[in-house]
Protein backbone atom coordinates (compact mmCIF):
# COMPACT_ATOMS: atom_id res chain seq x y z
CA GLY A 1 57.09 140.17 48.98
CA GLY A 2 58.00 140.53 52.65
CA PRO A 3 59.11 137.83 55.05
CA SER A 4 56.54 135.39 56.43
CA ALA A 5 55.87 135.11 60.17
CA ARG A 6 58.01 131.95 60.23
CA ALA A 7 60.75 133.65 58.27
CA ARG A 8 60.84 136.54 60.73
CA VAL A 9 61.35 134.11 63.59
CA ALA A 10 64.11 132.38 61.58
CA LEU A 11 65.82 135.72 60.92
CA ARG A 12 66.49 136.20 64.62
CA SER A 13 69.08 133.48 64.31
CA VAL A 14 70.79 134.97 61.23
CA GLY A 15 73.10 137.18 63.38
CA ARG A 16 74.37 134.03 65.22
CA CYS A 17 74.86 132.31 61.88
CA ALA A 18 76.91 135.21 60.57
CA GLN A 19 79.09 135.21 63.66
CA GLU A 20 79.69 131.44 63.04
CA THR A 21 80.86 132.18 59.59
CA VAL A 22 77.55 131.10 57.99
CA ARG A 23 77.54 127.45 58.69
CA ARG A 24 75.97 125.78 55.70
CA VAL A 25 74.64 122.95 57.83
CA THR A 26 72.56 125.33 59.86
CA ARG A 27 68.94 125.51 58.54
CA HIS A 28 65.92 127.52 59.53
CA ASP A 29 62.47 126.75 58.23
CA GLY A 30 63.94 124.38 55.77
CA MET A 31 66.24 126.97 54.14
CA SER A 32 69.93 127.52 54.52
CA CYS A 33 71.26 130.36 56.60
CA GLN A 34 72.94 131.78 53.56
CA TRP A 35 69.55 132.00 51.82
CA TYR A 36 68.18 133.97 54.78
CA LEU A 37 71.18 136.28 54.76
CA ARG A 38 70.52 137.12 51.04
CA LYS A 39 66.80 137.64 51.71
CA TYR A 40 67.51 139.64 54.84
CA ALA A 41 69.51 142.11 52.81
CA ILE A 42 66.69 142.44 50.22
CA TRP A 43 63.91 142.77 52.87
CA SER A 44 65.99 145.39 54.78
CA ARG A 45 66.30 147.52 51.70
CA GLN A 46 62.57 147.26 51.12
CA GLY A 47 61.85 148.31 54.70
CA HIS A 48 60.35 145.00 55.74
CA VAL A 49 63.04 144.23 58.39
CA MET A 50 64.54 146.68 60.93
CA THR A 51 68.29 146.05 61.22
CA GLU A 52 69.87 146.52 64.64
CA HIS A 53 72.06 149.47 65.19
CA ASN A 54 72.26 150.40 61.48
CA PHE A 55 74.98 152.99 61.22
CA GLU A 56 73.86 154.20 57.84
CA ARG A 57 70.36 154.95 59.00
CA LEU A 58 71.74 156.73 62.01
CA LYS A 59 73.83 159.00 59.77
CA GLU A 60 70.90 159.60 57.44
CA HIS A 61 68.98 160.98 60.47
CA ILE A 62 71.72 162.97 62.13
CA LEU A 63 73.38 164.61 59.11
CA PRO A 64 70.30 166.66 57.87
CA LEU A 65 69.94 167.94 61.44
CA SER A 66 73.56 169.01 61.63
CA ASN A 67 75.42 172.02 60.12
CA ALA A 68 78.35 169.88 58.90
CA THR A 69 77.80 167.68 55.92
CA ASP A 70 80.34 165.01 56.83
CA TRP A 71 79.95 162.64 59.66
CA SER A 72 83.20 163.14 61.47
CA ASN A 73 82.38 166.75 62.09
CA ALA A 74 78.63 166.49 62.40
CA LYS A 75 78.67 164.08 65.34
CA ASN A 76 80.82 166.53 67.30
CA GLU A 77 78.03 169.14 67.12
CA TRP A 78 75.79 167.04 69.44
CA ARG A 79 75.65 167.02 73.25
CA LEU A 80 73.73 164.86 75.66
CA VAL A 81 71.03 166.88 77.33
CA GLY A 82 69.09 164.20 79.12
CA ILE A 83 68.43 160.41 79.56
CA GLU A 84 65.13 158.73 79.96
CA VAL A 85 63.83 155.21 80.61
CA GLN A 86 60.46 154.59 79.14
CA GLU A 87 57.88 151.82 79.86
CA ASP A 88 56.79 151.73 76.20
CA TRP A 89 59.06 150.87 73.29
CA ASP A 90 60.48 153.75 71.15
CA SER A 91 62.84 153.50 68.27
CA CYS A 92 66.34 154.68 67.69
CA PRO A 93 67.04 156.35 64.32
CA CYS A 94 69.26 153.27 63.59
CA GLY A 95 66.17 151.07 63.54
CA LYS A 96 66.60 149.38 66.92
CA GLU A 97 63.65 149.30 69.36
CA ILE A 98 64.67 150.95 72.58
CA LYS A 99 63.42 151.91 76.03
CA GLU A 100 66.52 153.81 77.18
CA LEU A 101 66.61 157.12 75.41
CA CYS A 102 69.46 159.52 75.12
CA HIS A 103 68.23 163.10 74.25
CA LEU A 104 70.67 165.08 72.23
CA LYS A 105 70.89 168.74 71.24
CA ASN A 106 72.90 170.19 68.44
CA GLN A 107 75.04 173.05 69.97
CA LEU A 108 75.28 175.00 66.64
CA ASN A 109 71.62 175.10 65.48
CA GLY A 110 69.47 173.96 68.42
CA ASN A 111 68.11 170.92 66.70
CA VAL A 112 67.10 168.09 69.05
CA THR A 113 66.70 164.29 68.71
CA HIS A 114 67.15 161.07 70.61
CA VAL A 115 69.09 157.86 70.06
CA GLY A 116 69.60 154.70 72.00
CA ASN A 117 72.37 154.18 74.59
CA VAL A 118 74.35 151.92 72.20
CA CYS A 119 74.36 154.38 69.33
CA VAL A 120 75.18 157.32 71.52
CA ASN A 121 78.28 155.46 72.68
CA ARG A 122 79.39 153.55 69.67
CA PHE A 123 78.74 155.98 66.88
CA ILE A 124 78.42 159.51 68.36
CA GLY A 125 81.07 158.92 70.96
CA ILE A 126 79.16 160.18 74.04
CA ASP A 127 79.90 157.94 77.02
CA THR A 128 76.77 157.29 79.08
CA GLY A 129 78.75 155.01 81.39
CA ASN A 130 76.58 153.48 84.10
CA LEU A 131 73.96 156.23 83.85
CA PHE A 132 71.05 153.94 82.89
CA ALA A 133 71.92 151.34 85.48
CA GLY A 134 71.94 154.05 88.13
CA LEU A 135 68.70 155.59 86.81
CA ARG A 136 66.85 152.27 86.64
CA ARG A 137 67.94 151.56 90.27
CA ILE A 138 66.33 154.62 91.69
CA ILE A 139 63.31 154.28 89.47
CA ASP A 140 62.68 150.84 90.91
CA ASP A 141 63.44 152.03 94.49
CA ASP A 142 63.48 155.76 95.29
CA SER A 143 65.44 155.09 98.49
CA ALA A 144 68.24 153.29 96.66
CA ASN A 145 71.77 154.70 96.15
CA ALA A 146 72.43 156.39 92.89
CA ASN A 147 75.79 155.37 91.42
CA GLU A 148 78.60 157.94 90.88
CA ASP A 149 77.88 158.42 87.16
CA LEU A 150 74.35 159.36 87.77
CA ILE A 151 75.11 161.64 90.70
CA ILE A 152 77.70 163.59 88.55
CA HIS A 153 75.15 163.72 85.69
CA ALA A 154 72.42 165.04 87.94
CA TYR A 155 74.67 167.77 89.32
CA GLN A 156 75.93 168.86 85.90
CA PHE A 157 72.41 169.14 84.63
CA GLY A 158 71.15 171.14 87.67
CA TYR A 159 68.85 168.46 89.19
CA ILE A 160 70.54 168.60 92.55
CA TYR A 161 72.07 171.25 94.79
CA GLU A 162 75.80 171.22 95.82
CA SER A 163 74.83 170.01 99.31
CA GLU A 164 72.78 167.15 97.78
CA TYR A 165 75.63 166.22 95.52
CA LYS A 166 77.97 165.90 98.50
CA PHE A 167 75.37 163.92 100.45
CA LEU A 168 74.70 161.50 97.57
CA MET A 169 78.49 160.94 97.00
CA GLN A 170 79.17 160.35 100.73
CA THR A 171 76.38 157.88 101.10
CA ARG A 172 76.40 156.11 97.74
CA ARG A 173 77.99 152.96 99.27
CA LYS A 174 76.23 153.07 102.61
CA ARG A 175 73.56 150.54 103.38
CA ILE A 176 72.34 151.89 106.64
CA LEU A 177 70.99 155.47 106.80
CA SER A 178 68.81 157.27 109.31
CA ALA A 179 65.12 157.79 108.59
CA LYS A 180 65.79 161.46 107.88
CA GLN A 181 68.59 160.61 105.49
CA ILE A 182 66.40 158.12 103.64
CA GLU A 183 63.63 160.53 103.30
CA TRP A 184 66.07 163.23 101.96
CA LYS A 185 67.51 160.67 99.53
CA ARG A 186 64.00 159.82 98.23
CA LYS A 187 63.15 163.48 97.70
CA ILE A 188 66.46 163.96 95.70
CA ASN A 189 66.02 160.69 93.67
CA ARG A 190 62.44 161.63 92.65
CA ARG A 191 63.75 164.92 91.32
CA ILE A 192 66.53 163.18 89.36
CA VAL A 193 64.02 160.76 87.80
CA ASN A 194 61.70 163.68 86.85
CA GLN A 195 64.73 165.70 85.58
CA THR A 196 63.58 168.74 87.63
CA VAL A 197 66.09 171.57 87.26
CA VAL A 198 66.70 173.48 90.52
CA ARG A 199 69.96 175.17 89.77
CA LYS A 200 71.93 176.45 86.77
CA LYS A 201 73.44 173.78 84.59
CA ALA A 202 77.22 173.42 84.06
CA SER A 203 78.56 176.16 81.77
CA TYR A 204 79.32 173.77 78.95
CA ILE A 205 75.75 172.36 78.84
CA SER A 206 73.54 174.61 76.79
CA GLU A 207 69.94 175.34 77.69
């Protein structure tokens, strides 16, 4: 059968045990770490346990949505078309629970999907940089300064006008702004959070 509740708790330490070269002296719930590693592999195959950032699961999800049948070519068909921070948990195709979603679109066939920020960087090769840090900052405080990565992303995706892009870049490190500037920044930040398109996207980003 599947793992017990106590076993699931013990499994949280399995990763650390593996990193420590599976110390035989380490025990969880009365069983050796090696025993849990073996059971973890079995339970994962049976679907009882979700592995973190499982590359094979990610490939099994992406490849059928791609034109290419090999991973090295298939991953290059995808482009980032949006990022989102959710309050509720979602899941990446790799099996990891996530709140930070990277929305992807296949440039050849129009298929869409989403993955987590780790998988989009590590496996697909799309760099999200500090996008999520910047996005979380303006979600928490709509008068906060967006970072450079987020400002560039917002301009490329048509969420802000050129004048607003210049304003955000010029004031991104300033702590003191006029009341008028703060109100303008709030208006721009709300549009970025809502991903409201106000101008044509960059030519290399497909609709």
